N, C-alpha and C. Protein backbone atom coordinates (compact mmCIF):
# COMPACT_ATOMS: atom_id res chain seq x y z
N MET A 1 21.94 -14.78 5.10
CA MET A 1 21.29 -13.74 5.62
C MET A 1 22.47 -12.79 6.52
N GLN A 2 23.03 -12.02 5.83
CA GLN A 2 23.87 -11.27 6.51
C GLN A 2 23.47 -10.03 7.47
N GLN A 3 24.21 -10.32 8.69
CA GLN A 3 23.72 -9.04 9.72
C GLN A 3 24.64 -8.46 9.64
N LEU A 4 24.05 -7.05 10.17
CA LEU A 4 25.41 -5.90 10.33
C LEU A 4 24.93 -5.42 12.14
N PHE A 5 25.84 -5.45 12.52
CA PHE A 5 25.78 -4.78 13.93
C PHE A 5 26.09 -3.14 13.91
N ILE A 6 25.13 -2.59 14.16
CA ILE A 6 25.75 -1.00 14.31
C ILE A 6 25.44 -0.22 15.55
N PRO A 7 26.70 0.36 15.81
CA PRO A 7 26.56 0.96 17.38
C PRO A 7 25.79 2.39 17.23
N THR A 8 24.44 2.61 18.38
CA THR A 8 23.85 3.70 18.09
C THR A 8 23.88 3.91 19.76
N ASN A 9 23.41 4.87 20.30
CA ASN A 9 23.24 5.79 21.47
C ASN A 9 22.58 4.87 22.72
N LYS A 10 22.19 4.13 22.48
CA LYS A 10 21.20 3.35 23.32
C LYS A 10 21.71 1.43 23.22
N GLY A 11 22.69 1.27 22.36
CA GLY A 11 23.63 0.03 22.40
C GLY A 11 23.65 -0.43 20.75
N ILE A 12 23.68 -1.51 20.60
CA ILE A 12 23.75 -2.29 19.13
C ILE A 12 22.75 -2.58 18.91
N ALA A 13 22.48 -2.11 17.57
CA ALA A 13 21.21 -2.55 16.66
C ALA A 13 21.76 -3.43 15.92
N VAL A 14 21.21 -4.85 15.82
CA VAL A 14 21.15 -5.69 14.86
C VAL A 14 20.30 -6.00 13.55
N VAL A 15 20.92 -5.31 12.60
CA VAL A 15 20.09 -5.42 11.55
C VAL A 15 20.64 -6.24 10.17
N TYR A 16 19.39 -6.86 9.58
CA TYR A 16 19.39 -7.79 8.29
C TYR A 16 19.96 -6.55 7.38
N THR A 17 20.83 -6.95 6.54
CA THR A 17 21.16 -6.21 5.03
C THR A 17 20.43 -6.27 4.19
N LYS A 18 19.58 -7.37 4.44
CA LYS A 18 18.55 -7.51 2.95
C LYS A 18 17.40 -6.44 3.46
N ASN A 19 17.26 -6.16 4.43
CA ASN A 19 15.94 -4.79 4.73
C ASN A 19 16.87 -3.27 4.24
N ILE A 20 17.92 -3.19 4.18
CA ILE A 20 18.37 -1.84 4.03
C ILE A 20 17.82 -1.51 2.54
N ILE A 21 17.04 -0.20 2.60
CA ILE A 21 17.31 0.31 1.12
C ILE A 21 17.87 0.96 0.68
N ARG A 22 18.12 1.73 1.82
CA ARG A 22 19.37 3.03 1.43
C ARG A 22 19.84 3.22 2.55
N ILE A 23 20.87 4.23 2.44
CA ILE A 23 21.74 5.00 3.46
C ILE A 23 22.24 6.11 3.12
N GLU A 24 21.69 7.23 3.75
CA GLU A 24 22.17 8.42 3.54
C GLU A 24 22.65 9.49 4.54
N ALA A 25 23.92 9.98 3.99
CA ALA A 25 24.81 10.69 4.96
C ALA A 25 24.53 11.97 5.17
N SER A 26 24.64 12.54 6.16
CA SER A 26 24.70 13.89 6.60
C SER A 26 25.32 14.10 7.84
N SER A 27 26.63 15.10 7.24
CA SER A 27 27.38 15.37 8.12
C SER A 27 28.31 14.23 8.61
N ASN A 28 28.24 13.84 10.04
CA ASN A 28 29.02 12.81 10.58
C ASN A 28 28.00 11.84 11.16
N TYR A 29 26.72 11.79 10.48
CA TYR A 29 25.44 11.06 10.92
C TYR A 29 25.02 10.48 9.44
N CYS A 30 24.44 9.31 9.89
CA CYS A 30 23.69 8.56 8.69
C CYS A 30 22.38 7.68 8.89
N LYS A 31 21.52 8.40 7.95
CA LYS A 31 19.84 7.73 8.16
C LYS A 31 20.17 6.48 7.20
N VAL A 32 19.52 5.34 8.31
CA VAL A 32 19.37 4.13 7.37
C VAL A 32 17.98 3.69 7.21
N PHE A 33 17.60 3.90 6.21
CA PHE A 33 16.27 3.49 5.48
C PHE A 33 16.05 1.81 5.59
N PHE A 34 14.87 1.59 6.15
CA PHE A 34 14.14 0.19 6.08
C PHE A 34 13.32 -0.09 5.35
N ASP A 35 13.12 -1.28 4.64
CA ASP A 35 12.00 -1.52 3.85
C ASP A 35 10.57 -1.76 4.54
N ASN A 36 10.59 -1.52 6.19
CA ASN A 36 9.42 -1.50 6.66
C ASN A 36 8.98 0.04 7.36
N ALA A 37 9.77 0.96 6.44
CA ALA A 37 9.27 2.28 6.51
C ALA A 37 10.11 3.06 8.06
N GLN A 38 10.68 2.24 9.02
CA GLN A 38 11.50 2.95 10.00
C GLN A 38 12.82 3.32 9.65
N THR A 39 13.06 4.44 10.42
CA THR A 39 14.51 4.82 9.96
C THR A 39 15.39 4.62 11.09
N LEU A 40 16.68 4.76 10.98
CA LEU A 40 17.74 4.78 12.19
C LEU A 40 18.68 5.73 12.02
N THR A 41 18.81 6.64 12.83
CA THR A 41 20.26 7.59 12.57
C THR A 41 21.02 7.28 13.66
N VAL A 42 22.42 7.09 13.09
CA VAL A 42 23.44 6.55 13.74
C VAL A 42 24.76 7.85 13.56
N ALA A 43 25.68 7.86 14.36
CA ALA A 43 26.70 8.47 14.22
C ALA A 43 28.39 7.83 13.97
N LYS A 44 27.53 7.67 12.41
CA LYS A 44 28.51 6.97 11.75
C LYS A 44 28.67 7.60 10.72
N VAL A 45 30.12 7.14 9.51
CA VAL A 45 30.12 7.83 8.27
C VAL A 45 29.79 6.88 7.41
N LEU A 46 29.36 7.57 6.12
CA LEU A 46 28.93 6.20 5.06
C LEU A 46 29.99 5.62 4.61
N HIS A 47 31.32 6.09 5.11
CA HIS A 47 32.51 5.11 4.25
C HIS A 47 32.45 3.82 5.53
N TRP A 48 32.06 4.16 6.28
CA TRP A 48 31.91 2.85 7.25
C TRP A 48 30.98 1.72 7.06
N PHE A 49 29.65 2.49 6.44
CA PHE A 49 28.78 1.22 6.16
C PHE A 49 29.35 0.73 4.79
N GLU A 50 30.26 1.58 3.91
CA GLU A 50 30.86 0.99 2.68
C GLU A 50 31.53 -0.45 2.71
N ASP A 51 32.51 -0.08 3.75
CA ASP A 51 33.50 -1.42 4.15
C ASP A 51 32.50 -2.48 4.89
N LYS A 52 31.16 -2.27 5.47
CA LYS A 52 30.70 -3.56 6.27
C LYS A 52 29.79 -4.17 5.11
N LEU A 53 29.10 -3.39 4.15
CA LEU A 53 28.01 -4.07 3.70
C LEU A 53 28.45 -4.51 2.24
N PRO A 54 28.02 -5.87 2.10
CA PRO A 54 28.21 -6.50 0.74
C PRO A 54 28.25 -5.63 -0.44
N LYS A 55 29.35 -5.63 -1.02
CA LYS A 55 29.83 -4.83 -2.41
C LYS A 55 28.94 -5.58 -3.65
N LYS A 56 28.50 -6.55 -3.61
CA LYS A 56 27.81 -7.21 -4.58
C LYS A 56 26.27 -6.69 -4.69
N TYR A 57 25.59 -6.29 -3.54
CA TYR A 57 24.49 -5.84 -3.71
C TYR A 57 24.31 -4.18 -3.53
N PHE A 58 25.21 -3.51 -2.80
CA PHE A 58 24.93 -2.17 -2.33
C PHE A 58 25.87 -1.09 -2.58
N PHE A 59 25.49 -0.42 -3.61
CA PHE A 59 26.16 0.94 -4.37
C PHE A 59 26.43 2.18 -3.87
N ARG A 60 27.37 2.67 -3.72
CA ARG A 60 27.56 4.40 -3.42
C ARG A 60 27.07 5.24 -4.99
N ILE A 61 26.20 5.47 -5.20
CA ILE A 61 25.67 6.32 -5.92
C ILE A 61 25.92 7.74 -5.90
N HIS A 62 26.80 8.11 -5.05
CA HIS A 62 26.72 9.53 -4.59
C HIS A 62 27.52 9.71 -3.42
N ARG A 63 28.29 10.89 -3.19
CA ARG A 63 28.69 11.19 -2.07
C ARG A 63 27.84 10.96 -0.71
N THR A 64 26.58 11.21 -0.83
CA THR A 64 25.65 11.26 0.22
C THR A 64 24.97 9.81 0.50
N HIS A 65 25.14 8.91 -0.59
CA HIS A 65 23.98 8.02 -0.77
C HIS A 65 24.39 6.37 -1.13
N ILE A 66 23.92 5.43 -0.27
CA ILE A 66 24.28 4.08 -0.60
C ILE A 66 23.34 3.59 -0.76
N VAL A 67 22.98 2.42 -2.11
CA VAL A 67 21.78 2.11 -2.32
C VAL A 67 22.10 0.41 -2.55
N ASN A 68 20.65 -0.26 -2.07
CA ASN A 68 20.52 -1.72 -2.23
C ASN A 68 20.29 -1.97 -3.53
N SER A 69 20.46 -2.84 -4.54
CA SER A 69 20.19 -2.90 -5.58
C SER A 69 18.93 -3.39 -5.77
N TYR A 70 18.57 -4.66 -4.78
CA TYR A 70 17.32 -5.21 -4.77
C TYR A 70 16.09 -4.28 -4.71
N PHE A 71 16.31 -3.08 -4.33
CA PHE A 71 14.85 -1.95 -4.03
C PHE A 71 15.12 -0.99 -5.14
N ILE A 72 16.12 -1.08 -6.43
CA ILE A 72 15.98 -0.31 -7.35
C ILE A 72 14.40 -0.47 -8.15
N SER A 73 13.79 0.20 -8.71
CA SER A 73 12.63 -0.18 -9.38
C SER A 73 12.78 0.41 -11.02
N ALA A 74 13.41 1.40 -11.24
CA ALA A 74 14.07 2.04 -12.36
C ALA A 74 14.96 2.36 -12.61
N ILE A 75 15.48 2.74 -13.63
CA ILE A 75 16.82 3.41 -14.10
C ILE A 75 16.59 4.54 -15.24
N SER A 76 16.57 5.89 -15.01
CA SER A 76 16.13 6.52 -15.99
C SER A 76 17.18 6.94 -17.04
N LEU A 77 17.14 7.42 -18.14
CA LEU A 77 18.27 7.78 -19.26
C LEU A 77 19.41 8.60 -18.60
N ASN A 78 18.92 9.52 -17.71
CA ASN A 78 20.04 10.30 -17.02
C ASN A 78 20.38 10.06 -15.99
N SER A 79 20.25 8.45 -15.23
CA SER A 79 21.11 7.73 -14.18
C SER A 79 20.26 8.00 -12.97
N LYS A 80 19.18 8.59 -13.21
CA LYS A 80 18.60 8.54 -11.98
C LYS A 80 17.92 7.38 -11.65
N LEU A 81 17.65 7.26 -10.18
CA LEU A 81 17.27 5.80 -9.87
C LEU A 81 16.24 6.32 -9.08
N THR A 82 14.87 5.09 -9.27
CA THR A 82 13.76 4.92 -8.65
C THR A 82 13.72 3.91 -7.97
N LEU A 83 13.24 4.16 -6.69
CA LEU A 83 13.09 2.77 -5.56
C LEU A 83 11.78 2.23 -5.49
N ILE A 84 11.78 1.23 -4.99
CA ILE A 84 10.08 0.64 -4.98
C ILE A 84 9.47 1.17 -3.97
N ASN A 85 10.08 2.16 -3.12
CA ASN A 85 9.33 2.83 -1.95
C ASN A 85 8.87 4.21 -2.46
N GLY A 86 9.09 4.71 -4.19
CA GLY A 86 8.86 5.99 -4.94
C GLY A 86 9.70 6.78 -4.80
N GLU A 87 10.80 6.92 -3.96
CA GLU A 87 12.04 7.82 -3.90
C GLU A 87 12.76 7.47 -5.02
N GLU A 88 13.39 8.85 -5.55
CA GLU A 88 13.89 8.98 -6.60
C GLU A 88 15.42 9.75 -6.04
N LEU A 89 16.32 9.02 -6.64
CA LEU A 89 17.93 9.58 -6.40
C LEU A 89 18.66 9.79 -7.46
N GLN A 90 19.09 11.20 -7.38
CA GLN A 90 20.05 11.16 -8.48
C GLN A 90 21.64 11.14 -8.29
N THR A 91 22.04 10.23 -9.79
CA THR A 91 23.32 9.70 -9.33
C THR A 91 24.35 10.35 -10.03
N SER A 92 25.34 10.79 -9.11
CA SER A 92 26.48 11.52 -9.52
C SER A 92 27.00 11.38 -10.61
N ARG A 93 28.05 12.29 -11.33
CA ARG A 93 28.49 12.51 -12.55
C ARG A 93 29.27 11.32 -12.80
N ARG A 94 30.52 10.97 -11.43
CA ARG A 94 31.11 10.24 -11.44
C ARG A 94 30.90 8.88 -11.22
N LYS A 95 29.77 8.45 -11.11
CA LYS A 95 29.10 7.18 -10.51
C LYS A 95 27.86 6.84 -11.59
N LYS A 96 27.88 7.67 -12.77
CA LYS A 96 26.97 7.11 -13.83
C LYS A 96 27.98 5.70 -14.27
N ASN A 97 28.94 5.34 -14.78
CA ASN A 97 29.17 4.47 -15.01
C ASN A 97 28.95 3.10 -14.43
N LEU A 98 29.11 3.51 -12.85
CA LEU A 98 28.76 2.55 -11.95
C LEU A 98 27.13 1.90 -12.30
N VAL A 99 26.39 2.78 -12.42
CA VAL A 99 25.18 2.76 -12.50
C VAL A 99 24.72 1.65 -13.85
N LYS A 100 25.68 2.01 -14.99
CA LYS A 100 25.44 1.73 -16.04
C LYS A 100 25.94 0.13 -16.31
N GLN A 101 27.16 -0.44 -14.90
CA GLN A 101 27.41 -1.53 -14.94
C GLN A 101 26.33 -2.46 -14.01
N MET A 102 25.66 -1.80 -13.33
CA MET A 102 24.62 -2.61 -12.53
C MET A 102 23.52 -2.84 -13.31
N VAL A 103 23.15 -2.21 -14.49
CA VAL A 103 22.12 -2.55 -15.32
C VAL A 103 22.84 -4.05 -16.38
N ALA A 104 23.92 -3.64 -16.79
CA ALA A 104 24.78 -4.72 -17.92
C ALA A 104 24.78 -5.97 -17.05
């Protein structure tokens, strides 16, 4: 079980990567969504998370999203991902091949 140490304004948050559903970028901040419905907003860019998370499970599907493949429940023909919590995320045109590789 891999841990990720995320610096926040209150100190360092220690999270288990298996609990991260997705990460959404917004300017110089990111929102980390967990399986227990809590979110964490941190002053880190998406590239920082890309470097720290295991590439075996986490995929950047858009310039604003990284998803954990464990939480994907469906992939539509137009490469829209449905997560187990019901959220739908559109894959960018450039990342559609990555989504096809995830399925294969």
